[in-house]
Amino acid sequence: MDKVFKALADPNRRRLLDLLHQENGQTLTSLCEHMDMTRQGVTQHLQQLEDANLVSMLRQGREKLHYLNPVPLHEIHKRWIGKFERSRLDALRNLKQKLEGDDND
């Protein structure tokens, strides 16, 4: 999970993830069109995203297609975000019940 957080810490890598979210299965060339950096820089960022398992690469003929892997993000959400949402949702439910005069729960 440390690699995921490290990968997400950089705004350029987050931008690459956003681009893949918009259109999955892009080539390096198409990703470079939207980035303000060299092809080598984009390649290095993609490598870090691959190392963190956030992006996977599939060869199709002579091209490499890059795909977003949302599983590590889901794991972060489940571990770090989801548990905080539950308490907020419970508080809202309790408030709703109090305001509506429903104290049966």
C-alpha atoms as a PDB file:
ATOM      1  CA  MET A   1       0.000   0.000   0.000  1.00  0.00           C
ATOM      2  CA  ASP A   2       2.984   2.313   0.498  1.00  0.00           C
ATOM      3  CA  LYS A   3       3.712   2.216  -3.237  1.00  0.00           C
ATOM      4  CA  VAL A   4       0.123   3.229  -3.956  1.00  0.00           C
ATOM      5  CA  PHE A   5       0.293   6.237  -1.640  1.00  0.00           C
ATOM      6  CA  LYS A   6       3.673   7.218  -3.071  1.00  0.00           C
ATOM      7  CA  ALA A   7       2.316   6.948  -6.613  1.00  0.00           C
ATOM      8  CA  LEU A   8      -0.749   9.024  -5.730  1.00  0.00           C
ATOM      9  CA  ALA A   9       1.389  11.731  -4.105  1.00  0.00           C
ATOM     10  CA  ASP A  10       2.473  13.115  -7.479  1.00  0.00           C
ATOM     11  CA  PRO A  11       0.021  15.338  -9.440  1.00  0.00           C
ATOM     12  CA  ASN A  12       1.384  14.115 -12.790  1.00  0.00           C
ATOM     13  CA  ARG A  13       0.661  10.496 -11.895  1.00  0.00           C
ATOM     14  CA  ARG A  14      -2.828  11.457 -10.676  1.00  0.00           C
ATOM     15  CA  ARG A  15      -3.348  13.197 -14.032  1.00  0.00           C
ATOM     16  CA  LEU A  16      -2.343  10.006 -15.848  1.00  0.00           C
ATOM     17  CA  LEU A  17      -4.844   8.032 -13.770  1.00  0.00           C
ATOM     18  CA  ASP A  18      -7.530  10.603 -14.593  1.00  0.00           C
ATOM     19  CA  LEU A  19      -6.730  10.275 -18.296  1.00  0.00           C
ATOM     20  CA  LEU A  20      -7.005   6.492 -18.109  1.00  0.00           C
ATOM     21  CA  HIS A  21     -10.248   6.801 -16.184  1.00  0.00           C
ATOM     22  CA  GLN A  22     -11.666   8.962 -18.979  1.00  0.00           C
ATOM     23  CA  GLU A  23     -10.481   6.582 -21.697  1.00  0.00           C
ATOM     24  CA  ASN A  24      -8.968   3.276 -20.690  1.00  0.00           C
ATOM     25  CA  GLY A  25      -6.493   1.453 -22.925  1.00  0.00           C
ATOM     26  CA  GLN A  26      -4.414   4.374 -24.180  1.00  0.00           C
ATOM     27  CA  THR A  27      -1.014   4.248 -25.816  1.00  0.00           C
ATOM     28  CA  LEU A  28       1.979   6.146 -24.510  1.00  0.00           C
ATOM     29  CA  THR A  29       1.677   8.520 -27.468  1.00  0.00           C
ATOM     30  CA  SER A  30      -1.932   9.399 -26.664  1.00  0.00           C
ATOM     31  CA  LEU A  31      -1.131   9.919 -22.987  1.00  0.00           C
ATOM     32  CA  CYS A  32       1.824  12.158 -23.866  1.00  0.00           C
ATOM     33  CA  GLU A  33      -0.471  14.444 -25.870  1.00  0.00           C
ATOM     34  CA  HIS A  34      -2.173  15.501 -22.641  1.00  0.00           C
ATOM     35  CA  MET A  35       0.924  15.847 -20.492  1.00  0.00           C
ATOM     36  CA  ASP A  36       3.300  18.801 -20.329  1.00  0.00           C
ATOM     37  CA  MET A  37       6.468  16.698 -20.127  1.00  0.00           C
ATOM     38  CA  THR A  38       8.768  14.577 -22.222  1.00  0.00           C
ATOM     39  CA  ARG A  39       7.873  11.096 -23.405  1.00  0.00           C
ATOM     40  CA  GLN A  40      10.587   9.748 -21.100  1.00  0.00           C
ATOM     41  CA  GLY A  41       9.017  11.567 -18.137  1.00  0.00           C
ATOM     42  CA  VAL A  42       5.582  10.102 -18.867  1.00  0.00           C
ATOM     43  CA  THR A  43       7.181   6.649 -19.220  1.00  0.00           C
ATOM     44  CA  GLN A  44       8.816   6.978 -15.799  1.00  0.00           C
ATOM     45  CA  HIS A  45       5.535   8.020 -14.187  1.00  0.00           C
ATOM     46  CA  LEU A  46       3.711   5.134 -15.855  1.00  0.00           C
ATOM     47  CA  GLN A  47       6.367   2.754 -14.546  1.00  0.00           C
ATOM     48  CA  GLN A  48       5.772   3.932 -10.982  1.00  0.00           C
ATOM     49  CA  LEU A  49       2.024   3.499 -11.487  1.00  0.00           C
ATOM     50  CA  GLU A  50       2.659  -0.031 -12.781  1.00  0.00           C
ATOM     51  CA  ASP A  51       4.919  -0.777  -9.797  1.00  0.00           C
ATOM     52  CA  ALA A  52       2.058   0.297  -7.514  1.00  0.00           C
ATOM     53  CA  ASN A  53      -0.334  -1.921  -9.492  1.00  0.00           C
ATOM     54  CA  LEU A  54      -2.474   1.086 -10.399  1.00  0.00           C
ATOM     55  CA  VAL A  55      -1.849   0.664 -14.130  1.00  0.00           C
ATOM     56  CA  SER A  56      -1.418  -2.470 -16.191  1.00  0.00           C
ATOM     57  CA  MET A  57       0.053  -2.691 -19.661  1.00  0.00           C
ATOM     58  CA  LEU A  58      -1.053  -4.962 -22.479  1.00  0.00           C
ATOM     59  CA  ARG A  59       0.813  -5.400 -25.755  1.00  0.00           C
ATOM     60  CA  GLN A  60      -1.365  -5.256 -28.818  1.00  0.00           C
ATOM     61  CA  GLY A  61       0.788  -5.768 -31.866  1.00  0.00           C
ATOM     62  CA  ARG A  62       3.481  -3.098 -31.785  1.00  0.00           C
ATOM     63  CA  GLU A  63       1.582  -0.912 -29.303  1.00  0.00           C
ATOM     64  CA  LYS A  64       1.434  -1.017 -25.544  1.00  0.00           C
ATOM     65  CA  LEU A  65      -1.968  -0.144 -24.135  1.00  0.00           C
ATOM     66  CA  HIS A  66      -2.217   1.171 -20.583  1.00  0.00           C
ATOM     67  CA  TYR A  67      -5.203   0.349 -18.395  1.00  0.00           C
ATOM     68  CA  LEU A  68      -6.318   1.675 -15.040  1.00  0.00           C
ATOM     69  CA  ASN A  69      -6.467  -0.928 -12.279  1.00  0.00           C
ATOM     70  CA  PRO A  70      -8.953   0.390  -9.693  1.00  0.00           C
ATOM     71  CA  VAL A  71      -8.448  -2.450  -7.185  1.00  0.00           C
ATOM     72  CA  PRO A  72      -5.720  -0.752  -5.077  1.00  0.00           C
ATOM     73  CA  LEU A  73      -7.836   2.426  -4.934  1.00  0.00           C
ATOM     74  CA  HIS A  74     -10.815   0.385  -3.774  1.00  0.00           C
ATOM     75  CA  GLU A  75      -8.674  -1.204  -1.052  1.00  0.00           C
ATOM     76  CA  ILE A  76      -7.631   2.247   0.158  1.00  0.00           C
ATOM     77  CA  HIS A  77     -11.233   3.383   0.151  1.00  0.00           C
ATOM     78  CA  LYS A  78     -12.318   0.299   2.066  1.00  0.00           C
ATOM     79  CA  ARG A  79      -9.572   0.618   4.678  1.00  0.00           C
ATOM     80  CA  TRP A  80      -9.172   4.380   5.099  1.00  0.00           C
ATOM     81  CA  ILE A  81     -12.300   6.111   3.842  1.00  0.00           C
ATOM     82  CA  GLY A  82     -15.196   3.693   4.139  1.00  0.00           C
ATOM     83  CA  LYS A  83     -14.953   3.243   7.873  1.00  0.00           C
ATOM     84  CA  PHE A  84     -15.194   7.005   8.401  1.00  0.00           C
ATOM     85  CA  GLU A  85     -18.195   7.269   6.101  1.00  0.00           C
ATOM     86  CA  ARG A  86     -20.132   4.684   8.122  1.00  0.00           C
ATOM     87  CA  SER A  87     -20.048   6.772  11.287  1.00  0.00           C
ATOM     88  CA  ARG A  88     -21.189   9.863   9.380  1.00  0.00           C
ATOM     89  CA  LEU A  89     -24.029   7.971   7.754  1.00  0.00           C
ATOM     90  CA  ASP A  90     -25.074   6.556  11.133  1.00  0.00           C
ATOM     91  CA  ALA A  91     -25.050  10.066  12.608  1.00  0.00           C
ATOM     92  CA  LEU A  92     -27.203  11.364   9.761  1.00  0.00           C
ATOM     93  CA  ARG A  93     -29.626   8.472  10.177  1.00  0.00           C
ATOM     94  CA  ASN A  94     -29.888   9.125  13.921  1.00  0.00           C
ATOM     95  CA  LEU A  95     -30.421  12.845  13.318  1.00  0.00           C
ATOM     96  CA  LYS A  96     -33.131  12.100  10.753  1.00  0.00           C
ATOM     97  CA  GLN A  97     -34.887   9.775  13.180  1.00  0.00           C
ATOM     98  CA  LYS A  98     -34.737  12.375  15.975  1.00  0.00           C
ATOM     99  CA  LEU A  99     -36.043  15.123  13.719  1.00  0.00           C
ATOM    100  CA  GLU A 100     -38.878  12.925  12.502  1.00  0.00           C
ATOM    101  CA  GLY A 101     -39.677  11.836  16.061  1.00  0.00           C
ATOM    102  CA  ASP A 102     -38.897   8.183  15.351  1.00  0.00           C
ATOM    103  CA  ASP A 103     -37.042   6.989  18.481  1.00  0.00           C
ATOM    104  CA  ASN A 104     -37.770   3.270  17.938  1.00  0.00           C
ATOM    105  CA  ASP A 105     -34.197   2.446  16.894  1.00  0.00           C
END
